[in-house]
Amino acid sequence: MPSKKKIEGMFDSIAKDYDTLNHVLSLNFDKVWRGKALRKILDSGPSPSVLDVACGTGDFSIAIGKAIGGGHVTGIDISREMLEVMRRKVLKNKLEGIIEEEVGDGEATRFPDNSFDRVVNAFGIRNFEDKEKGLREAFRVLKPGGRLVILELSRPENRVIRWFYDLYFLNILPKIGGKVSGDKAAYAYLPASVKSFPGKKEFTAMMREAGFTEVTHKALSLGICRMYTGEKA
């Protein structure tokens, strides 16, 4: 795993092309996955407070902000350039009073204990230097009764599907992403980071070790993406 500083620089370098490539290279499935995760976020009662960790350019924060009505979303990320893209999108969608964004590290946030009804992380936790620390931090800032919702890419378990997935994800995607963004290393890192991410049994065990109960796992789109949830009792 590259250092936190290298991760920050890598995402700074691809920020301007990130949204276009993200939607095109995922064949817009990323929007579908976020939609499914929203259902796990919106049942917390009126005016929920949500922390979006590793929010990137804010797609998930904006989807949540549009859906929660009178609630509030705080998005944090270590990449200032990604957050700058997010700020423009928040203004465009007229969500300034609902969403705020700031530089922040998901492994060590500035927020007090028991601050949020929901903590979410979409496609970011695989980039953490210390995933266990990030999970413990999410648990700390959640209110009792709160929920963690994580979306993360993964390799399908079915061997036939995995063969086609690897052909696209390991060979085609890095070439397209590198050519369009001008950063070949960033799009070579993406499949490598997914491949090295813990399996579902290992990751759900990590969540339980961090303190979460009612830990669940669901494979989406034949296992290309996985959704993890956990409760703070």
Protein backbone atom coordinates (compact mmCIF):
# COMPACT_ATOMS: atom_id res chain seq x y z
CA MET A 1 0.00 0.00 0.00
CA PRO A 2 1.43 3.41 -1.00
CA SER A 3 1.88 6.02 1.74
CA LYS A 4 -0.93 8.40 2.60
CA LYS A 5 1.01 11.24 0.98
CA LYS A 6 1.34 9.33 -2.28
CA ILE A 7 -2.37 8.48 -2.26
CA GLU A 8 -3.17 12.16 -1.73
CA GLY A 9 -0.94 13.21 -4.63
CA MET A 10 -2.33 10.51 -6.91
CA PHE A 11 -5.94 11.60 -6.39
CA ASP A 12 -4.99 15.26 -6.70
CA SER A 13 -3.52 14.47 -10.12
CA ILE A 14 -6.62 12.74 -11.50
CA ALA A 15 -9.31 14.91 -9.85
CA LYS A 16 -10.34 16.83 -12.97
CA ASP A 17 -11.05 13.66 -14.97
CA TYR A 18 -12.16 11.47 -12.07
CA ASP A 19 -15.94 11.76 -12.45
CA THR A 20 -16.00 11.15 -16.19
CA LEU A 21 -13.69 8.17 -15.97
CA ASN A 22 -15.41 6.79 -12.89
CA HIS A 23 -18.81 6.66 -14.59
CA VAL A 24 -17.54 5.50 -17.97
CA LEU A 25 -15.17 2.83 -16.70
CA SER A 26 -17.74 1.45 -14.26
CA LEU A 27 -20.37 1.51 -17.02
CA ASN A 28 -22.42 3.69 -14.64
CA PHE A 29 -22.85 0.80 -12.21
CA ASP A 30 -21.36 3.04 -9.49
CA LYS A 31 -24.61 5.04 -9.52
CA VAL A 32 -26.63 1.85 -9.06
CA TRP A 33 -24.47 0.73 -6.12
CA ARG A 34 -24.81 4.09 -4.37
CA GLY A 35 -28.56 3.89 -4.85
CA LYS A 36 -28.68 0.56 -3.06
CA ALA A 37 -26.54 1.90 -0.23
CA LEU A 38 -28.86 4.89 0.21
CA ARG A 39 -31.56 2.56 1.50
CA LYS A 40 -29.30 1.66 4.41
CA ILE A 41 -28.71 5.32 5.20
CA LEU A 42 -32.16 6.91 5.01
CA ASP A 43 -33.93 5.03 7.83
CA SER A 44 -32.35 6.95 10.73
CA GLY A 45 -35.28 9.26 11.45
CA PRO A 46 -35.67 13.00 10.78
CA SER A 47 -32.69 15.27 10.05
CA PRO A 48 -29.92 12.65 10.15
CA SER A 49 -26.27 13.64 10.40
CA VAL A 50 -24.01 11.77 7.98
CA LEU A 51 -20.22 11.63 7.71
CA ASP A 52 -18.96 10.68 4.24
CA VAL A 53 -15.39 9.47 4.69
CA ALA A 54 -13.04 9.63 1.70
CA CYS A 55 -15.81 11.51 -0.10
CA GLY A 56 -13.72 12.26 -3.19
CA THR A 57 -15.58 14.50 -5.63
CA GLY A 58 -18.77 14.17 -3.60
CA ASP A 59 -21.03 11.94 -5.68
CA PHE A 60 -22.22 9.98 -2.64
CA SER A 61 -22.53 13.08 -0.44
CA ILE A 62 -24.67 14.77 -3.09
CA ALA A 63 -26.90 11.71 -3.55
CA ILE A 64 -27.40 11.55 0.23
CA GLY A 65 -27.92 15.31 0.51
CA LYS A 66 -30.66 15.25 -2.12
CA ALA A 67 -32.43 12.40 -0.34
CA ILE A 68 -32.30 13.28 3.36
CA GLY A 69 -34.30 16.50 3.37
CA GLY A 70 -33.46 18.40 6.54
CA GLY A 71 -30.36 16.41 7.48
CA HIS A 72 -26.72 17.31 7.11
CA VAL A 73 -23.79 15.67 5.32
CA THR A 74 -20.13 16.29 6.11
CA GLY A 75 -17.68 15.01 3.52
CA ILE A 76 -13.98 14.59 4.32
CA ASP A 77 -11.08 13.63 2.09
CA ILE A 78 -7.30 14.00 2.09
CA SER A 79 -7.25 15.25 -1.51
CA ARG A 80 -7.78 19.01 -1.79
CA GLU A 81 -8.21 18.81 -5.55
CA MET A 82 -10.99 16.24 -5.25
CA LEU A 83 -12.72 18.44 -2.68
CA GLU A 84 -12.45 21.45 -5.00
CA VAL A 85 -14.39 19.49 -7.64
CA MET A 86 -16.91 18.56 -4.94
CA ARG A 87 -17.40 22.21 -3.91
CA ARG A 88 -18.35 23.17 -7.47
CA LYS A 89 -20.83 20.29 -7.66
CA VAL A 90 -22.41 21.19 -4.31
CA LEU A 91 -22.93 24.78 -5.49
CA LYS A 92 -24.32 23.60 -8.84
CA ASN A 93 -26.85 21.41 -7.03
CA LYS A 94 -27.74 24.19 -4.55
CA LEU A 95 -26.89 22.01 -1.55
CA GLU A 96 -24.65 24.46 0.35
CA GLY A 97 -26.81 24.37 3.47
CA ILE A 98 -27.00 20.60 3.56
CA ILE A 99 -23.49 19.50 2.54
CA GLU A 100 -20.14 20.77 3.73
CA GLU A 101 -16.73 19.45 2.73
CA GLU A 102 -13.35 19.68 4.39
CA VAL A 103 -9.89 18.17 4.33
CA GLY A 104 -9.82 15.28 6.74
CA ASP A 105 -8.26 11.88 7.40
CA GLY A 106 -10.68 9.01 7.96
CA GLU A 107 -8.20 7.35 10.29
CA ALA A 108 -8.10 10.36 12.66
CA THR A 109 -10.97 12.84 12.38
CA ARG A 110 -11.54 16.03 14.36
CA PHE A 111 -15.06 15.06 15.44
CA PRO A 112 -16.13 14.26 19.02
CA ASP A 113 -17.37 10.84 20.05
CA ASN A 114 -20.97 9.99 19.12
CA SER A 115 -21.35 12.75 16.48
CA PHE A 116 -23.13 11.10 13.54
CA ASP A 117 -26.18 8.94 12.82
CA ARG A 118 -24.47 7.39 9.82
CA VAL A 119 -20.88 7.02 8.63
CA VAL A 120 -20.43 6.05 4.98
CA ASN A 121 -17.45 5.20 2.84
CA ALA A 122 -17.82 4.55 -0.89
CA PHE A 123 -14.82 3.04 -2.67
CA GLY A 124 -12.31 4.65 -0.34
CA ILE A 125 -11.41 2.34 2.51
CA ARG A 126 -9.12 0.21 0.36
CA ASN A 127 -6.87 3.29 0.13
CA PHE A 128 -6.42 3.58 3.90
CA GLU A 129 -2.97 2.90 5.28
CA ASP A 130 -4.57 1.33 8.36
CA LYS A 131 -8.03 -0.05 7.65
CA GLU A 132 -8.53 -1.28 11.22
CA LYS A 133 -7.82 2.22 12.53
CA GLY A 134 -10.29 3.67 10.05
CA LEU A 135 -12.99 1.27 11.21
CA ARG A 136 -12.34 2.09 14.86
CA GLU A 137 -12.57 5.80 14.07
CA ALA A 138 -15.89 5.30 12.28
CA PHE A 139 -17.17 3.44 15.33
CA ARG A 140 -15.99 6.20 17.67
CA VAL A 141 -17.78 9.06 15.89
CA LEU A 142 -21.04 7.13 15.38
CA LYS A 143 -23.86 7.72 17.83
CA PRO A 144 -25.20 4.69 19.70
CA GLY A 145 -27.71 3.09 17.34
CA GLY A 146 -25.79 4.48 14.36
CA ARG A 147 -24.72 2.56 11.30
CA LEU A 148 -21.62 2.26 9.12
CA VAL A 149 -22.22 1.64 5.40
CA ILE A 150 -19.30 0.75 3.14
CA LEU A 151 -19.20 0.17 -0.60
CA GLU A 152 -16.04 -1.34 -2.05
CA LEU A 153 -14.99 -2.93 -5.31
CA SER A 154 -14.06 -6.60 -5.32
CA ARG A 155 -13.23 -9.51 -7.58
CA PRO A 156 -16.19 -11.84 -8.36
CA GLU A 157 -16.00 -15.31 -6.84
CA ASN A 158 -17.41 -17.08 -9.89
CA ARG A 159 -14.40 -18.19 -11.96
CA VAL A 160 -15.96 -17.48 -15.36
CA ILE A 161 -17.15 -14.02 -14.38
CA ARG A 162 -13.82 -13.34 -12.69
CA TRP A 163 -11.95 -14.18 -15.92
CA PHE A 164 -13.88 -11.53 -17.87
CA TYR A 165 -13.62 -9.12 -14.95
CA ASP A 166 -9.84 -9.50 -14.79
CA LEU A 167 -9.55 -9.07 -18.55
CA TYR A 168 -11.33 -5.72 -18.33
CA PHE A 169 -10.16 -4.52 -14.93
CA LEU A 170 -6.51 -5.54 -15.15
CA ASN A 171 -5.88 -4.89 -18.84
CA ILE A 172 -8.40 -2.59 -20.51
CA LEU A 173 -9.38 -0.18 -17.72
CA PRO A 174 -5.82 0.87 -16.75
CA LYS A 175 -4.96 1.68 -20.37
CA ILE A 176 -8.07 3.82 -20.92
CA GLY A 177 -7.80 5.55 -17.56
CA GLY A 178 -4.10 6.21 -17.95
CA LYS A 179 -4.46 7.60 -21.44
CA VAL A 180 -7.35 9.95 -20.64
CA SER A 181 -6.05 11.16 -17.26
CA GLY A 182 -2.38 11.21 -18.19
CA ASP A 183 -1.58 9.29 -15.00
CA LYS A 184 -0.90 5.65 -15.85
CA ALA A 185 0.29 4.86 -12.33
CA ALA A 186 -3.05 5.89 -10.79
CA TYR A 187 -5.06 3.54 -12.98
CA ALA A 188 -2.57 0.74 -12.53
CA TYR A 189 -2.93 1.23 -8.76
CA LEU A 190 -6.73 0.87 -8.90
CA PRO A 191 -6.89 -2.84 -9.86
CA ALA A 192 -3.94 -3.62 -7.62
CA SER A 193 -5.69 -2.04 -4.62
CA VAL A 194 -8.89 -3.99 -5.29
CA LYS A 195 -6.98 -7.24 -5.65
CA SER A 196 -5.19 -6.73 -2.32
CA PHE A 197 -8.31 -5.74 -0.37
CA PRO A 198 -9.34 -8.24 2.34
CA GLY A 199 -11.92 -10.87 1.45
CA LYS A 200 -15.46 -10.65 2.81
CA LYS A 201 -14.82 -12.98 5.78
CA GLU A 202 -11.65 -11.14 6.77
CA PHE A 203 -13.19 -7.70 6.39
CA THR A 204 -16.38 -8.49 8.30
CA ALA A 205 -14.16 -9.91 11.07
CA MET A 206 -12.25 -6.60 11.10
CA MET A 207 -15.53 -4.72 11.49
CA ARG A 208 -16.56 -6.86 14.45
CA GLU A 209 -13.14 -6.40 16.01
CA ALA A 210 -13.62 -2.63 15.73
CA GLY A 211 -16.80 -2.94 17.81
CA PHE A 212 -19.58 -3.22 15.23
CA THR A 213 -22.51 -5.57 15.73
CA GLU A 214 -25.11 -6.87 13.26
CA VAL A 215 -22.37 -6.90 10.61
CA THR A 216 -23.73 -7.76 7.16
CA HIS A 217 -22.28 -8.27 3.70
CA LYS A 218 -23.99 -8.20 0.32
CA ALA A 219 -22.51 -8.86 -3.10
CA LEU A 220 -23.71 -6.46 -5.81
CA SER A 221 -23.55 -6.94 -9.58
CA LEU A 222 -22.25 -10.52 -9.38
CA GLY A 223 -19.67 -9.58 -6.76
CA ILE A 224 -18.02 -6.70 -8.63
CA CYS A 225 -18.98 -4.52 -5.68
CA ARG A 226 -19.71 -5.41 -2.05
CA MET A 227 -21.73 -3.55 0.55
CA TYR A 228 -20.84 -3.92 4.20
CA THR A 229 -22.93 -2.61 7.11
CA GLY A 230 -22.41 -2.61 10.85
CA GLU A 231 -24.27 -1.17 13.85
CA LYS A 232 -23.04 0.62 16.96
CA ALA A 233 -25.04 -0.74 19.87
